[in-house]
Amino acid sequence: MTGQTVFAGVLTDEELAVLARPNPFAVSPYLDTLSPPDRQTAARTAYRSLLARGLVDPPSAEALAAARAAGDGRLELMVDREIRSVLTLRESARVVIAVARTTSAGQDYWYGYHVDDVVLLEQIGTDGLHRFALARPAQLTELAVAAAVHPDSGDAAGPPVAMPPGPDPTPPTPILTALGQALLRADVVVRHPGEDAVSPLVAFSGPGGSWLVTGLGGPAAMAHPVRAAQLREQLARHIERMRDEAVGDVRT
């Protein structure tokens, strides 16, 4: 996260599987690699760790009886107040900005959950660690753009570059050649609860240039060279427009 935000804790995939309802937005990169039996083992181990650290209380007899009656394996736990606050914010978002980031070193995921007068930020690595922080709604667009665009991005020029077909995150050869090991691909989606999946806005950036993709998923998808400042401006306008559709003009 950044100096503009307030750290709010770290949880693992398996701890969130114990503590939280399934999240329609965030990924579970470590847990998704496990078989169902191994997932159950990981969840039991996570629960024991949470219990040992005093982050959850042992379930009451009433909670155990309710879980047996429901038969769905869900058990209501008494959770540490600060963790419960994070989970409540995560489940109450009016709009979510999701940024999937691919670099030469791997992939991570960034989320901004807008909940009235506060924003919960979540950053997830392939190790399955979820790092949380708090920010103000007025910061959300700036933080999302910073997550999506390489901090040292340069300007690109020349003709548009045709995108390869399919979901492969690898950029076209001319862009890969220009950006090399400094490549950042960002897939940006703005969603609100209950909305069907939407197509991402895709950007490539790095010191060697900046490109914005149009027509993704179609036969004529193109990566357009842009100035770095222009890329940031276009992403900001897109995010603001989609936020306004979901929550109105409520930035404070």
Protein backbone atom coordinates (compact mmCIF):
# COMPACT_ATOMS: atom_id res chain seq x y z
CA MET A 1 0.00 0.00 0.00
CA THR A 2 1.12 3.62 0.24
CA GLY A 3 1.72 6.39 2.75
CA GLN A 4 -1.72 7.73 1.86
CA THR A 5 -3.37 4.71 3.46
CA VAL A 6 -3.75 3.20 6.94
CA PHE A 7 -2.66 -0.41 7.39
CA ALA A 8 -5.54 -2.68 8.50
CA GLY A 9 -4.01 -6.16 8.71
CA VAL A 10 -3.03 -9.27 6.76
CA LEU A 11 -5.02 -12.48 6.34
CA THR A 12 -4.38 -15.63 4.31
CA ASP A 13 -6.65 -17.29 1.78
CA GLU A 14 -7.48 -20.05 4.23
CA GLU A 15 -8.14 -17.66 7.13
CA LEU A 16 -10.60 -15.74 4.96
CA ALA A 17 -12.24 -19.04 3.99
CA VAL A 18 -12.90 -19.60 7.71
CA LEU A 19 -13.91 -16.04 8.60
CA ALA A 20 -15.73 -14.60 5.60
CA ARG A 21 -18.52 -15.36 3.19
CA PRO A 22 -17.42 -16.20 -0.39
CA ASN A 23 -16.34 -13.00 -2.13
CA PRO A 24 -17.54 -12.55 -5.75
CA PHE A 25 -14.65 -10.23 -6.58
CA ALA A 26 -11.43 -11.26 -4.84
CA VAL A 27 -9.33 -14.25 -5.84
CA SER A 28 -7.79 -16.96 -3.61
CA PRO A 29 -4.59 -17.79 -5.51
CA TYR A 30 -3.08 -20.18 -2.97
CA LEU A 31 -6.26 -21.95 -1.89
CA ASP A 32 -7.33 -22.47 -5.51
CA THR A 33 -4.26 -24.64 -6.10
CA LEU A 34 -5.35 -27.17 -3.44
CA SER A 35 -7.57 -30.22 -3.83
CA PRO A 36 -10.86 -30.23 -1.87
CA PRO A 37 -9.44 -32.45 0.91
CA ASP A 38 -6.35 -30.26 1.19
CA ARG A 39 -8.52 -27.14 1.28
CA GLN A 40 -10.41 -28.59 4.26
CA THR A 41 -7.13 -29.37 6.02
CA ALA A 42 -5.84 -25.85 5.34
CA ALA A 43 -9.06 -24.33 6.69
CA ARG A 44 -8.88 -26.41 9.89
CA THR A 45 -5.25 -25.39 10.40
CA ALA A 46 -6.15 -21.74 9.78
CA TYR A 47 -8.96 -21.94 12.34
CA ARG A 48 -6.60 -23.39 14.97
CA SER A 49 -4.11 -20.60 14.26
CA LEU A 50 -6.80 -17.90 14.57
CA LEU A 51 -7.98 -19.47 17.82
CA ALA A 52 -4.45 -19.68 19.24
CA ARG A 53 -3.79 -16.01 18.42
CA GLY A 54 -7.00 -14.90 20.10
CA LEU A 55 -8.50 -13.60 16.85
CA VAL A 56 -11.57 -15.81 17.21
CA ASP A 57 -13.32 -17.21 20.27
CA PRO A 58 -14.32 -20.87 20.59
CA PRO A 59 -17.88 -21.37 19.28
CA SER A 60 -20.68 -21.46 21.82
CA ALA A 61 -22.93 -24.48 22.27
CA GLU A 62 -25.72 -22.50 20.56
CA ALA A 63 -23.53 -21.77 17.52
CA LEU A 64 -22.54 -25.43 17.23
CA ALA A 65 -26.18 -26.52 17.44
CA ALA A 66 -27.17 -23.97 14.77
CA ALA A 67 -24.40 -25.17 12.45
CA ARG A 68 -25.48 -28.81 12.86
CA ALA A 69 -29.08 -27.86 12.15
CA ALA A 70 -28.16 -25.88 9.04
CA GLY A 71 -26.00 -28.70 7.71
CA ASP A 72 -23.99 -26.39 5.44
CA GLY A 73 -20.74 -26.46 7.36
CA ARG A 74 -20.92 -22.75 8.24
CA LEU A 75 -20.21 -21.83 11.83
CA GLU A 76 -20.79 -18.34 13.20
CA LEU A 77 -17.63 -17.26 15.02
CA MET A 78 -16.95 -14.45 17.46
CA VAL A 79 -14.21 -12.56 15.65
CA ASP A 80 -11.75 -9.89 16.79
CA ARG A 81 -13.37 -6.46 16.39
CA GLU A 82 -10.77 -5.02 14.02
CA ILE A 83 -10.89 -8.06 11.74
CA ARG A 84 -14.69 -8.02 11.81
CA SER A 85 -14.61 -4.38 10.70
CA VAL A 86 -12.43 -5.27 7.71
CA LEU A 87 -14.68 -8.19 6.75
CA THR A 88 -17.82 -6.06 7.09
CA LEU A 89 -16.38 -3.39 4.80
CA ARG A 90 -15.33 -6.05 2.29
CA GLU A 91 -18.86 -7.46 2.20
CA SER A 92 -20.67 -4.10 2.11
CA ALA A 93 -19.08 -2.39 -0.89
CA ARG A 94 -21.31 -0.30 -3.12
CA VAL A 95 -18.71 -0.41 -5.87
CA VAL A 96 -15.46 -2.36 -6.33
CA ILE A 97 -12.49 -1.44 -8.50
CA ALA A 98 -10.45 -4.52 -9.38
CA VAL A 99 -7.00 -4.40 -10.98
CA ALA A 100 -5.30 -7.63 -12.07
CA ARG A 101 -1.61 -6.86 -12.60
CA THR A 102 0.76 -9.01 -14.66
CA THR A 103 4.51 -8.36 -14.71
CA SER A 104 7.58 -10.31 -15.74
CA ALA A 105 7.83 -11.46 -12.11
CA GLY A 106 4.29 -12.80 -11.83
CA GLN A 107 0.81 -11.57 -11.01
CA ASP A 108 -0.99 -9.84 -8.18
CA TYR A 109 -4.41 -8.32 -7.58
CA TRP A 110 -5.54 -4.97 -6.21
CA TYR A 111 -9.08 -4.11 -5.04
CA GLY A 112 -10.70 -0.93 -3.80
CA TYR A 113 -14.04 -1.41 -1.98
CA HIS A 114 -16.04 1.83 -1.71
CA VAL A 115 -18.34 1.75 1.34
CA ASP A 116 -20.01 5.13 1.99
CA ASP A 117 -17.38 7.36 3.63
CA VAL A 118 -14.49 4.89 3.64
CA VAL A 119 -12.56 2.72 1.18
CA LEU A 120 -11.07 -0.68 1.99
CA LEU A 121 -8.03 -1.61 -0.09
CA GLU A 122 -6.97 -5.22 -0.60
CA GLN A 123 -3.80 -6.41 -2.30
CA ILE A 124 -3.36 -10.13 -2.97
CA GLY A 125 -0.18 -11.88 -4.01
CA THR A 126 0.15 -15.33 -5.54
CA ASP A 127 1.20 -16.48 -2.05
CA GLY A 128 -2.42 -16.01 -0.95
CA LEU A 129 -1.66 -13.19 1.50
CA HIS A 130 -4.34 -10.47 1.58
CA ARG A 131 -3.01 -7.10 2.76
CA PHE A 132 -5.68 -4.62 3.83
CA ALA A 133 -5.59 -0.84 4.27
CA LEU A 134 -8.07 2.02 4.67
CA ALA A 135 -8.35 5.18 2.60
CA ARG A 136 -10.80 8.00 1.89
CA PRO A 137 -13.24 7.82 -1.06
CA ALA A 138 -11.58 10.90 -2.58
CA GLN A 139 -8.35 8.89 -2.87
CA LEU A 140 -9.81 5.85 -4.61
CA THR A 141 -9.43 6.88 -8.24
CA GLU A 142 -5.87 8.12 -7.74
CA LEU A 143 -4.89 4.93 -5.91
CA ALA A 144 -6.51 2.71 -8.56
CA VAL A 145 -4.70 4.51 -11.38
CA ALA A 146 -1.43 4.24 -9.48
CA ALA A 147 -2.02 0.50 -9.13
CA ALA A 148 -2.77 0.13 -12.86
CA VAL A 149 0.04 2.23 -14.40
CA HIS A 150 3.79 1.70 -14.01
CA PRO A 151 5.18 4.58 -11.88
CA ASP A 152 7.93 5.28 -14.42
CA SER A 153 5.76 4.94 -17.53
CA GLY A 154 6.97 6.61 -20.70
CA ASP A 155 5.14 7.86 -23.77
CA ALA A 156 4.53 5.67 -26.81
CA ALA A 157 4.04 6.70 -30.43
CA GLY A 158 3.38 5.05 -33.75
CA PRO A 159 0.53 2.97 -35.18
CA PRO A 160 -1.80 0.79 -33.08
CA VAL A 161 -0.66 -2.78 -32.47
CA ALA A 162 -2.99 -5.73 -33.11
CA MET A 163 -3.70 -7.85 -30.03
CA PRO A 164 -3.37 -11.64 -30.20
CA PRO A 165 -6.67 -13.56 -29.96
CA GLY A 166 -7.75 -15.18 -26.71
CA PRO A 167 -7.21 -14.31 -23.03
CA ASP A 168 -3.40 -14.72 -23.04
CA PRO A 169 -1.96 -11.88 -20.90
CA THR A 170 1.22 -11.75 -22.99
CA PRO A 171 1.26 -8.51 -24.99
CA PRO A 172 2.03 -8.30 -28.73
CA THR A 173 5.71 -8.62 -29.65
CA PRO A 174 6.30 -4.90 -30.41
CA ILE A 175 5.05 -3.93 -26.93
CA LEU A 176 6.92 -6.75 -25.22
CA THR A 177 10.09 -5.67 -27.01
CA ALA A 178 9.62 -2.02 -25.98
CA LEU A 179 8.84 -2.75 -22.31
CA GLY A 180 10.87 -5.91 -21.66
CA GLN A 181 11.28 -6.83 -18.00
CA ALA A 182 9.61 -3.55 -16.92
CA LEU A 183 6.27 -4.56 -18.44
CA LEU A 184 3.10 -4.01 -16.43
CA ARG A 185 -0.20 -5.25 -17.84
CA ALA A 186 -3.26 -4.06 -15.90
CA ASP A 187 -6.80 -5.37 -16.39
CA VAL A 188 -9.13 -2.83 -14.74
CA VAL A 189 -12.76 -3.62 -13.90
CA VAL A 190 -15.29 -1.46 -12.04
CA ARG A 191 -18.20 -3.49 -10.65
CA HIS A 192 -20.98 -3.31 -8.13
CA PRO A 193 -22.66 -6.19 -6.23
CA GLY A 194 -25.14 -8.17 -8.30
CA GLU A 195 -23.67 -7.04 -11.60
CA ASP A 196 -22.64 -9.63 -14.17
CA ALA A 197 -18.99 -9.84 -15.15
CA VAL A 198 -17.87 -6.96 -17.35
CA SER A 199 -15.01 -6.67 -19.82
CA PRO A 200 -11.84 -5.13 -18.41
CA LEU A 201 -10.08 -2.03 -19.61
CA VAL A 202 -6.54 -3.19 -20.39
CA ALA A 203 -3.37 -1.10 -20.28
CA PHE A 204 0.31 -1.86 -20.89
CA SER A 205 2.89 0.46 -19.35
CA GLY A 206 6.54 0.80 -18.47
CA PRO A 207 9.49 3.14 -19.05
CA GLY A 208 9.41 2.20 -22.75
CA GLY A 209 5.88 3.47 -23.35
CA SER A 210 2.16 3.24 -22.63
CA TRP A 211 -0.66 1.53 -24.54
CA LEU A 212 -4.44 1.33 -24.03
CA VAL A 213 -6.37 -1.62 -25.49
CA THR A 214 -9.73 -1.28 -27.25
CA GLY A 215 -12.03 -4.00 -28.60
CA LEU A 216 -10.70 -6.63 -26.19
CA GLY A 217 -12.21 -10.05 -26.87
CA GLY A 218 -13.15 -9.17 -30.43
CA PRO A 219 -11.38 -9.90 -33.71
CA ALA A 220 -10.12 -6.31 -34.02
CA ALA A 221 -8.62 -5.71 -30.58
CA MET A 222 -5.88 -3.09 -30.77
CA ALA A 223 -3.33 -1.59 -28.37
CA HIS A 224 -3.12 2.16 -28.99
CA PRO A 225 0.09 4.06 -28.14
CA VAL A 226 -0.54 6.97 -25.77
CA ARG A 227 1.33 9.39 -23.56
CA ALA A 228 1.68 8.23 -19.95
CA ALA A 229 -0.32 11.23 -18.71
CA GLN A 230 -3.04 10.46 -21.25
CA LEU A 231 -3.24 6.84 -20.09
CA ARG A 232 -3.68 7.95 -16.48
CA GLU A 233 -6.33 10.50 -17.49
CA GLN A 234 -8.33 8.00 -19.54
CA LEU A 235 -8.24 5.38 -16.78
CA ALA A 236 -9.32 8.00 -14.22
CA ARG A 237 -12.25 9.13 -16.39
CA HIS A 238 -13.37 5.53 -16.91
CA ILE A 239 -13.22 4.76 -13.19
CA GLU A 240 -15.04 7.97 -12.24
CA ARG A 241 -17.79 7.37 -14.79
CA MET A 242 -18.38 3.81 -13.62
CA ARG A 243 -18.32 4.85 -9.95
CA ASP A 244 -20.89 7.57 -10.58
CA GLU A 245 -23.23 5.04 -12.16
CA ALA A 246 -23.06 2.89 -9.03
CA VAL A 247 -22.82 5.33 -6.12
CA GLY A 248 -23.36 8.83 -7.47
CA ASP A 249 -21.13 11.76 -6.71
CA VAL A 250 -20.31 10.98 -3.06
CA ARG A 251 -16.56 11.65 -2.89
CA THR A 252 -15.46 13.29 0.37
